[in-house]
N, C-alpha and C. Protein backbone atom coordinates (compact mmCIF):
# COMPACT_ATOMS: atom_id res chain seq x y z
N MET A 1 156.20 179.22 -83.84
CA MET A 1 157.28 179.12 -82.89
C MET A 1 156.78 179.41 -81.49
N LYS A 2 155.89 180.43 -81.41
CA LYS A 2 155.34 180.76 -80.10
C LYS A 2 154.53 179.58 -79.56
N LYS A 3 153.81 178.88 -80.46
CA LYS A 3 153.03 177.73 -80.03
C LYS A 3 153.93 176.62 -79.52
N VAL A 4 155.05 176.38 -80.17
CA VAL A 4 155.98 175.34 -79.75
C VAL A 4 156.57 175.70 -78.40
N PHE A 5 156.98 176.95 -78.24
CA PHE A 5 157.56 177.40 -76.97
C PHE A 5 156.53 177.28 -75.84
N LEU A 6 155.32 177.70 -76.13
CA LEU A 6 154.24 177.63 -75.13
C LEU A 6 153.95 176.17 -74.78
N THR A 7 153.93 175.30 -75.75
CA THR A 7 153.67 173.87 -75.51
C THR A 7 154.78 173.27 -74.68
N ILE A 8 156.04 173.60 -74.97
CA ILE A 8 157.18 173.08 -74.20
C ILE A 8 157.13 173.60 -72.77
N THR A 9 156.78 174.85 -72.58
CA THR A 9 156.68 175.44 -71.24
C THR A 9 155.58 174.73 -70.44
N ILE A 10 154.45 174.50 -71.05
CA ILE A 10 153.35 173.83 -70.35
C ILE A 10 153.75 172.40 -70.00
N MET A 11 154.42 171.72 -70.94
CA MET A 11 154.87 170.34 -70.68
C MET A 11 155.85 170.29 -69.52
N MET A 12 156.76 171.24 -69.48
CA MET A 12 157.74 171.30 -68.39
C MET A 12 157.03 171.53 -67.05
N GLY A 13 156.04 172.36 -67.05
CA GLY A 13 155.27 172.62 -65.82
C GLY A 13 154.55 171.37 -65.34
N ILE A 14 153.96 170.65 -66.28
CA ILE A 14 153.25 169.42 -65.93
C ILE A 14 154.22 168.38 -65.38
N LEU A 15 155.37 168.21 -66.03
CA LEU A 15 156.38 167.25 -65.56
C LEU A 15 156.89 167.62 -64.18
N SER A 16 157.09 168.91 -63.96
CA SER A 16 157.56 169.38 -62.64
C SER A 16 156.52 169.08 -61.57
N ALA A 17 155.24 169.32 -61.88
CA ALA A 17 154.17 169.06 -60.91
C ALA A 17 154.07 167.57 -60.61
N CYS A 18 154.22 166.71 -61.62
CA CYS A 18 154.17 165.26 -61.41
C CYS A 18 155.33 164.80 -60.53
N ALA A 19 156.51 165.33 -60.74
CA ALA A 19 157.66 164.95 -59.94
C ALA A 19 157.44 165.32 -58.48
N GLN A 20 156.88 166.52 -58.22
CA GLN A 20 156.62 166.93 -56.83
C GLN A 20 155.56 166.04 -56.19
N THR A 21 154.54 165.65 -56.98
CA THR A 21 153.48 164.79 -56.46
C THR A 21 154.06 163.43 -56.07
N LYS A 22 154.96 162.89 -56.91
CA LYS A 22 155.58 161.59 -56.61
C LYS A 22 156.42 161.69 -55.34
N GLN A 23 157.13 162.81 -55.13
CA GLN A 23 157.92 162.98 -53.92
C GLN A 23 157.01 163.05 -52.70
N LYS A 24 155.87 163.75 -52.81
CA LYS A 24 154.93 163.86 -51.68
C LYS A 24 154.34 162.49 -51.36
N VAL A 25 154.00 161.72 -52.41
CA VAL A 25 153.44 160.38 -52.19
C VAL A 25 154.48 159.51 -51.50
N ALA A 26 155.73 159.57 -51.95
CA ALA A 26 156.80 158.78 -51.33
C ALA A 26 156.98 159.19 -49.87
N SER A 27 156.92 160.49 -49.62
CA SER A 27 157.05 160.99 -48.25
C SER A 27 155.88 160.51 -47.39
N ASN A 28 154.66 160.57 -47.95
CA ASN A 28 153.48 160.10 -47.22
C ASN A 28 153.56 158.61 -46.95
N ASP A 29 154.06 157.84 -47.92
CA ASP A 29 154.21 156.40 -47.73
C ASP A 29 155.16 156.08 -46.58
N SER A 30 156.28 156.78 -46.51
CA SER A 30 157.23 156.50 -45.43
C SER A 30 156.65 156.91 -44.08
N THR A 31 155.86 157.99 -44.06
CA THR A 31 155.20 158.40 -42.81
C THR A 31 154.19 157.34 -42.38
N LEU A 32 153.42 156.81 -43.35
CA LEU A 32 152.45 155.77 -43.02
C LEU A 32 153.14 154.50 -42.52
N ILE A 33 154.26 154.16 -43.10
CA ILE A 33 155.02 152.98 -42.66
C ILE A 33 155.49 153.18 -41.22
N LYS A 34 155.96 154.38 -40.89
CA LYS A 34 156.40 154.66 -39.53
C LYS A 34 155.23 154.59 -38.55
N ILE A 35 154.07 155.14 -38.95
CA ILE A 35 152.89 155.10 -38.08
C ILE A 35 152.44 153.66 -37.85
N LYS A 36 152.42 152.85 -38.92
CA LYS A 36 152.03 151.44 -38.77
C LYS A 36 152.98 150.71 -37.83
N SER A 37 154.27 151.00 -37.96
CA SER A 37 155.26 150.37 -37.09
C SER A 37 155.04 150.76 -35.63
N LEU A 38 154.78 152.06 -35.40
CA LEU A 38 154.51 152.52 -34.03
C LEU A 38 153.25 151.89 -33.46
N LEU A 39 152.20 151.80 -34.27
CA LEU A 39 150.95 151.17 -33.82
C LEU A 39 151.16 149.70 -33.48
N ARG A 40 151.91 148.98 -34.32
CA ARG A 40 152.18 147.57 -34.07
C ARG A 40 152.94 147.40 -32.75
N ASP A 41 153.97 148.24 -32.54
CA ASP A 41 154.75 148.17 -31.30
C ASP A 41 153.89 148.51 -30.09
N ASN A 42 153.04 149.53 -30.24
CA ASN A 42 152.16 149.95 -29.14
C ASN A 42 151.17 148.85 -28.79
N ASN A 43 150.57 148.20 -29.81
CA ASN A 43 149.62 147.11 -29.56
C ASN A 43 150.29 145.93 -28.87
N ALA A 44 151.50 145.60 -29.27
CA ALA A 44 152.24 144.51 -28.62
C ALA A 44 152.51 144.85 -27.16
N TRP A 45 152.86 146.08 -26.90
CA TRP A 45 153.13 146.53 -25.53
C TRP A 45 151.86 146.45 -24.69
N LEU A 46 150.72 146.89 -25.24
CA LEU A 46 149.45 146.82 -24.51
C LEU A 46 149.03 145.38 -24.24
N GLU A 47 149.26 144.48 -25.20
CA GLU A 47 148.94 143.06 -24.97
C GLU A 47 149.77 142.49 -23.84
N ASN A 48 151.04 142.88 -23.76
CA ASN A 48 151.89 142.40 -22.68
C ASN A 48 151.42 142.91 -21.33
N ILE A 49 150.99 144.16 -21.28
CA ILE A 49 150.47 144.73 -20.03
C ILE A 49 149.21 143.98 -19.61
N GLU A 50 148.30 143.74 -20.57
CA GLU A 50 147.05 143.04 -20.27
C GLU A 50 147.33 141.62 -19.79
N LEU A 51 148.24 140.92 -20.44
CA LEU A 51 148.61 139.57 -20.04
C LEU A 51 149.22 139.57 -18.65
N ASP A 52 150.09 140.54 -18.39
CA ASP A 52 150.74 140.64 -17.08
C ASP A 52 149.70 140.87 -15.99
N LEU A 53 148.75 141.79 -16.22
CA LEU A 53 147.71 142.05 -15.22
C LEU A 53 146.82 140.82 -15.04
N SER A 54 146.50 140.15 -16.13
CA SER A 54 145.65 138.97 -16.06
C SER A 54 146.31 137.87 -15.24
N LEU A 55 147.60 137.66 -15.45
CA LEU A 55 148.30 136.61 -14.70
C LEU A 55 148.44 136.97 -13.23
N LYS A 56 148.66 138.24 -12.93
CA LYS A 56 148.86 138.65 -11.54
C LYS A 56 147.57 138.59 -10.73
N GLN A 57 146.43 138.64 -11.37
CA GLN A 57 145.17 138.65 -10.64
C GLN A 57 144.37 137.37 -10.83
N ARG A 58 145.03 136.32 -11.27
CA ARG A 58 144.31 135.09 -11.59
C ARG A 58 143.85 134.36 -10.33
N TYR A 59 144.66 134.26 -9.32
CA TYR A 59 144.31 133.50 -8.11
C TYR A 59 144.02 134.44 -6.95
N LYS A 60 143.04 134.05 -6.14
CA LYS A 60 142.66 134.87 -5.01
C LYS A 60 142.40 133.96 -3.81
N LEU A 61 142.86 134.39 -2.63
CA LEU A 61 142.62 133.65 -1.38
C LEU A 61 141.48 134.29 -0.61
N TYR A 62 140.57 133.44 -0.11
CA TYR A 62 139.44 133.89 0.69
C TYR A 62 139.55 133.30 2.08
N GLN A 63 139.42 134.14 3.08
CA GLN A 63 139.44 133.67 4.46
C GLN A 63 138.12 132.98 4.78
N THR A 64 138.22 131.99 5.63
CA THR A 64 137.02 131.39 6.21
C THR A 64 137.02 131.77 7.69
N ASP A 65 135.98 131.40 8.39
CA ASP A 65 135.95 131.69 9.83
C ASP A 65 136.90 130.78 10.61
N ASN A 66 137.38 129.71 9.98
CA ASN A 66 138.39 128.86 10.58
C ASN A 66 139.75 129.52 10.31
N ILE A 67 140.49 129.86 11.35
CA ILE A 67 141.72 130.63 11.16
C ILE A 67 142.79 129.86 10.39
N TYR A 68 142.67 128.56 10.27
CA TYR A 68 143.67 127.75 9.57
C TYR A 68 143.27 127.38 8.14
N THR A 69 142.11 127.84 7.70
CA THR A 69 141.59 127.43 6.39
C THR A 69 141.31 128.63 5.50
N PHE A 70 141.81 128.54 4.27
CA PHE A 70 141.52 129.52 3.22
C PHE A 70 140.96 128.77 2.02
N LEU A 71 140.26 129.48 1.16
CA LEU A 71 139.84 128.94 -0.12
C LEU A 71 140.62 129.68 -1.21
N GLN A 72 141.25 128.91 -2.09
CA GLN A 72 141.98 129.51 -3.21
C GLN A 72 141.13 129.36 -4.46
N LEU A 73 140.78 130.49 -5.06
CA LEU A 73 139.94 130.51 -6.25
C LEU A 73 140.77 130.88 -7.47
N ASP A 74 140.64 130.09 -8.52
CA ASP A 74 141.18 130.46 -9.82
C ASP A 74 140.09 131.31 -10.47
N THR A 75 140.30 132.62 -10.51
CA THR A 75 139.27 133.55 -10.97
C THR A 75 139.01 133.46 -12.47
N LYS A 76 139.81 132.70 -13.18
CA LYS A 76 139.61 132.51 -14.61
C LYS A 76 138.75 131.29 -14.91
N THR A 77 138.91 130.21 -14.12
CA THR A 77 138.21 128.95 -14.41
C THR A 77 137.14 128.58 -13.39
N GLY A 78 137.16 129.18 -12.21
CA GLY A 78 136.21 128.83 -11.16
C GLY A 78 136.65 127.64 -10.32
N GLN A 79 137.85 127.14 -10.54
CA GLN A 79 138.34 126.00 -9.75
C GLN A 79 138.72 126.47 -8.34
N ILE A 80 138.41 125.64 -7.34
CA ILE A 80 138.60 126.02 -5.94
C ILE A 80 139.39 124.95 -5.21
N MET A 81 140.36 125.40 -4.43
CA MET A 81 141.15 124.53 -3.55
C MET A 81 140.92 125.00 -2.11
N GLN A 82 140.84 124.05 -1.21
CA GLN A 82 140.79 124.35 0.22
C GLN A 82 142.22 124.25 0.73
N VAL A 83 142.72 125.33 1.30
CA VAL A 83 144.12 125.39 1.76
C VAL A 83 144.15 125.41 3.28
N GLN A 84 144.88 124.45 3.85
CA GLN A 84 145.03 124.33 5.30
C GLN A 84 146.47 124.69 5.66
N TRP A 85 146.65 125.62 6.58
CA TRP A 85 148.00 125.97 7.03
C TRP A 85 148.12 125.66 8.52
N SER A 86 149.35 125.48 8.96
CA SER A 86 149.58 125.15 10.36
C SER A 86 151.04 125.45 10.69
N LEU A 87 151.32 125.55 11.98
CA LEU A 87 152.71 125.69 12.40
C LEU A 87 153.43 124.34 12.30
N ASP A 88 152.67 123.26 12.25
CA ASP A 88 153.22 121.91 12.04
C ASP A 88 153.12 121.59 10.55
N SER A 89 154.26 121.42 9.91
CA SER A 89 154.25 121.22 8.46
C SER A 89 153.51 119.95 8.03
N ASP A 90 153.44 118.96 8.90
CA ASP A 90 152.74 117.73 8.53
C ASP A 90 151.22 117.90 8.56
N LYS A 91 150.72 119.03 9.05
CA LYS A 91 149.28 119.29 9.08
C LYS A 91 148.86 120.29 8.00
N GLU A 92 149.81 120.71 7.16
CA GLU A 92 149.49 121.65 6.09
C GLU A 92 149.18 120.90 4.80
N GLY A 93 148.42 121.55 3.94
CA GLY A 93 148.14 120.96 2.65
C GLY A 93 146.95 121.61 1.98
N SER A 94 146.59 121.07 0.85
CA SER A 94 145.42 121.58 0.14
C SER A 94 144.66 120.42 -0.49
N VAL A 95 143.36 120.60 -0.63
CA VAL A 95 142.50 119.61 -1.26
C VAL A 95 141.59 120.34 -2.26
N THR A 96 141.17 119.60 -3.24
CA THR A 96 140.32 120.18 -4.28
C THR A 96 138.86 120.14 -3.87
N ILE A 97 138.19 121.27 -4.05
CA ILE A 97 136.73 121.31 -3.90
C ILE A 97 136.10 121.21 -5.29
N ASN A 98 136.66 121.93 -6.24
CA ASN A 98 136.15 121.91 -7.61
C ASN A 98 137.33 121.89 -8.57
N ASP A 99 137.44 120.81 -9.36
CA ASP A 99 138.52 120.74 -10.34
C ASP A 99 138.01 120.89 -11.77
N GLU A 100 136.74 121.25 -11.93
CA GLU A 100 136.14 121.43 -13.25
C GLU A 100 136.30 122.88 -13.71
N ASP A 101 136.68 123.07 -14.97
CA ASP A 101 136.78 124.41 -15.56
C ASP A 101 135.36 124.89 -15.87
N LEU A 102 134.87 125.82 -15.07
CA LEU A 102 133.50 126.31 -15.21
C LEU A 102 133.34 127.36 -16.29
N SER A 103 134.45 127.79 -16.88
CA SER A 103 134.39 128.82 -17.92
C SER A 103 134.09 128.22 -19.29
N TYR A 104 133.95 126.90 -19.37
CA TYR A 104 133.74 126.19 -20.63
C TYR A 104 134.88 126.44 -21.60
N GLY A 105 136.05 126.79 -21.09
CA GLY A 105 137.21 127.04 -21.94
C GLY A 105 137.13 128.32 -22.74
N LEU A 106 136.18 129.19 -22.41
CA LEU A 106 136.02 130.43 -23.18
C LEU A 106 137.12 131.43 -22.87
N GLY A 107 137.74 131.32 -21.71
CA GLY A 107 138.88 132.17 -21.40
C GLY A 107 138.59 133.65 -21.37
N TYR A 108 137.55 134.06 -20.64
CA TYR A 108 137.25 135.48 -20.54
C TYR A 108 138.34 136.23 -19.81
N GLY A 109 139.17 135.53 -19.06
CA GLY A 109 140.27 136.18 -18.36
C GLY A 109 140.10 136.15 -16.87
N SER A 110 141.13 136.58 -16.19
CA SER A 110 141.10 136.62 -14.73
C SER A 110 140.03 137.58 -14.25
N GLY A 111 139.48 137.28 -13.10
CA GLY A 111 138.46 138.15 -12.53
C GLY A 111 137.05 137.75 -12.94
N THR A 112 136.92 136.66 -13.70
CA THR A 112 135.60 136.22 -14.14
C THR A 112 134.77 135.67 -12.98
N PHE A 113 135.43 134.93 -12.07
CA PHE A 113 134.72 134.30 -10.95
C PHE A 113 135.06 134.99 -9.63
N GLU A 114 134.06 135.00 -8.73
CA GLU A 114 134.24 135.62 -7.42
C GLU A 114 133.49 134.77 -6.40
N LEU A 115 134.08 134.63 -5.20
CA LEU A 115 133.44 133.92 -4.09
C LEU A 115 132.85 134.92 -3.11
N TYR A 116 131.67 134.59 -2.59
CA TYR A 116 131.00 135.43 -1.59
C TYR A 116 130.65 134.56 -0.38
N PRO A 117 131.06 134.97 0.82
CA PRO A 117 130.74 134.18 2.01
C PRO A 117 129.25 134.30 2.35
N THR A 118 128.75 133.27 3.02
CA THR A 118 127.38 133.31 3.54
C THR A 118 127.47 133.39 5.07
N LYS A 119 126.35 133.39 5.74
CA LYS A 119 126.35 133.40 7.21
C LYS A 119 126.85 132.07 7.79
N ASN A 120 126.76 131.01 6.99
CA ASN A 120 127.28 129.70 7.39
C ASN A 120 128.77 129.67 7.07
N MET A 121 129.62 129.45 8.06
CA MET A 121 131.07 129.54 7.87
C MET A 121 131.62 128.55 6.86
N TYR A 122 130.91 127.47 6.56
CA TYR A 122 131.38 126.44 5.64
C TYR A 122 130.90 126.65 4.20
N GLN A 123 130.05 127.64 3.99
CA GLN A 123 129.43 127.76 2.67
C GLN A 123 129.66 129.14 2.05
N PHE A 124 129.89 129.10 0.74
CA PHE A 124 130.12 130.30 -0.06
C PHE A 124 129.25 130.21 -1.31
N ILE A 125 129.07 131.35 -1.95
CA ILE A 125 128.41 131.41 -3.26
C ILE A 125 129.48 131.80 -4.27
N LEU A 126 129.57 131.02 -5.36
CA LEU A 126 130.49 131.31 -6.45
C LEU A 126 129.69 131.95 -7.58
N LEU A 127 130.15 133.10 -8.05
CA LEU A 127 129.47 133.84 -9.12
C LEU A 127 130.35 133.94 -10.35
N ASP A 128 129.78 133.61 -11.51
CA ASP A 128 130.44 133.89 -12.79
C ASP A 128 129.97 135.28 -13.21
N LYS A 129 130.86 136.25 -13.14
CA LYS A 129 130.48 137.64 -13.38
C LYS A 129 130.24 137.96 -14.86
N THR A 130 130.53 137.03 -15.77
CA THR A 130 130.28 137.31 -17.18
C THR A 130 128.86 136.95 -17.60
N ASP A 131 128.28 135.92 -16.98
CA ASP A 131 126.93 135.53 -17.41
C ASP A 131 125.95 135.31 -16.25
N GLY A 132 126.41 135.51 -15.01
CA GLY A 132 125.50 135.45 -13.86
C GLY A 132 125.25 134.06 -13.30
N ARG A 133 125.90 133.04 -13.83
CA ARG A 133 125.70 131.69 -13.27
C ARG A 133 126.22 131.67 -11.83
N ILE A 134 125.58 130.87 -10.97
CA ILE A 134 126.00 130.80 -9.57
C ILE A 134 126.04 129.34 -9.10
N TRP A 135 126.91 129.10 -8.10
CA TRP A 135 127.08 127.78 -7.50
C TRP A 135 127.09 127.92 -5.99
N HIS A 136 126.65 126.89 -5.34
CA HIS A 136 126.70 126.76 -3.89
C HIS A 136 127.94 125.93 -3.58
N VAL A 137 128.85 126.47 -2.77
CA VAL A 137 130.12 125.81 -2.48
C VAL A 137 130.20 125.55 -0.99
N GLN A 138 130.64 124.35 -0.62
CA GLN A 138 130.87 124.04 0.79
C GLN A 138 132.26 123.45 0.95
N TRP A 139 132.99 123.96 1.92
CA TRP A 139 134.29 123.38 2.24
C TRP A 139 134.12 122.59 3.54
N GLY A 140 135.02 121.66 3.78
CA GLY A 140 134.95 120.87 5.00
C GLY A 140 136.22 120.05 5.17
N MET A 141 136.38 119.51 6.35
CA MET A 141 137.58 118.72 6.66
C MET A 141 137.51 117.32 6.06
N GLU A 142 136.32 116.80 5.85
CA GLU A 142 136.15 115.47 5.29
C GLU A 142 135.68 115.55 3.84
N PHE A 143 136.06 114.56 3.05
CA PHE A 143 135.76 114.54 1.62
C PHE A 143 134.27 114.75 1.34
N GLU A 144 133.43 114.05 2.09
CA GLU A 144 131.98 114.11 1.86
C GLU A 144 131.41 115.49 2.14
N LYS A 145 132.13 116.29 2.90
CA LYS A 145 131.61 117.61 3.27
C LYS A 145 132.13 118.72 2.36
N ARG A 146 132.91 118.36 1.34
CA ARG A 146 133.40 119.34 0.37
C ARG A 146 132.68 119.10 -0.95
N TRP A 147 131.98 120.13 -1.44
CA TRP A 147 131.25 119.96 -2.69
C TRP A 147 130.90 121.31 -3.31
N ILE A 148 130.45 121.21 -4.54
CA ILE A 148 129.96 122.39 -5.27
C ILE A 148 128.78 121.93 -6.11
N ARG A 149 127.73 122.75 -6.17
CA ARG A 149 126.60 122.41 -7.03
C ARG A 149 126.00 123.71 -7.60
N ARG A 150 125.57 123.59 -8.80
CA ARG A 150 125.01 124.74 -9.53
C ARG A 150 123.65 125.11 -8.96
N ILE A 151 123.39 126.40 -8.83
CA ILE A 151 122.07 126.90 -8.43
C ILE A 151 121.40 127.44 -9.70
N TYR A 152 120.22 126.91 -10.00
CA TYR A 152 119.48 127.34 -11.20
C TYR A 152 118.37 128.28 -10.86
């Protein structure tokens, strides 16, 4: 009889311990689900911030020594526009210097390309800051005087 009582007591203890373990596992599972949800929401929020910053810094204007001329650089693709402004609206406009995507579609993001002026007011150096490639850029009022060429 003592053996039966002892066996029943031990069995009850084991069942009680298993029930508590299952409750702890269930509690841990719900905590993990909450953490995963918070991480997913946090990552989505960070991606939106990164996208927002990338879009806000994509285009940059560079002054030239000509007070009416700026160069607009797409810092993601390396494309360059010559922008002419004036108090006379019929004298304003923009023309393309480079319409080729120099990033090869890799999409490293905004800030990849940067323009650097030279001592010659019509010429700039374009740098790809991800791999060091460089181009010689010239702006001008006439089509033949606007060009870009790679420096090797």
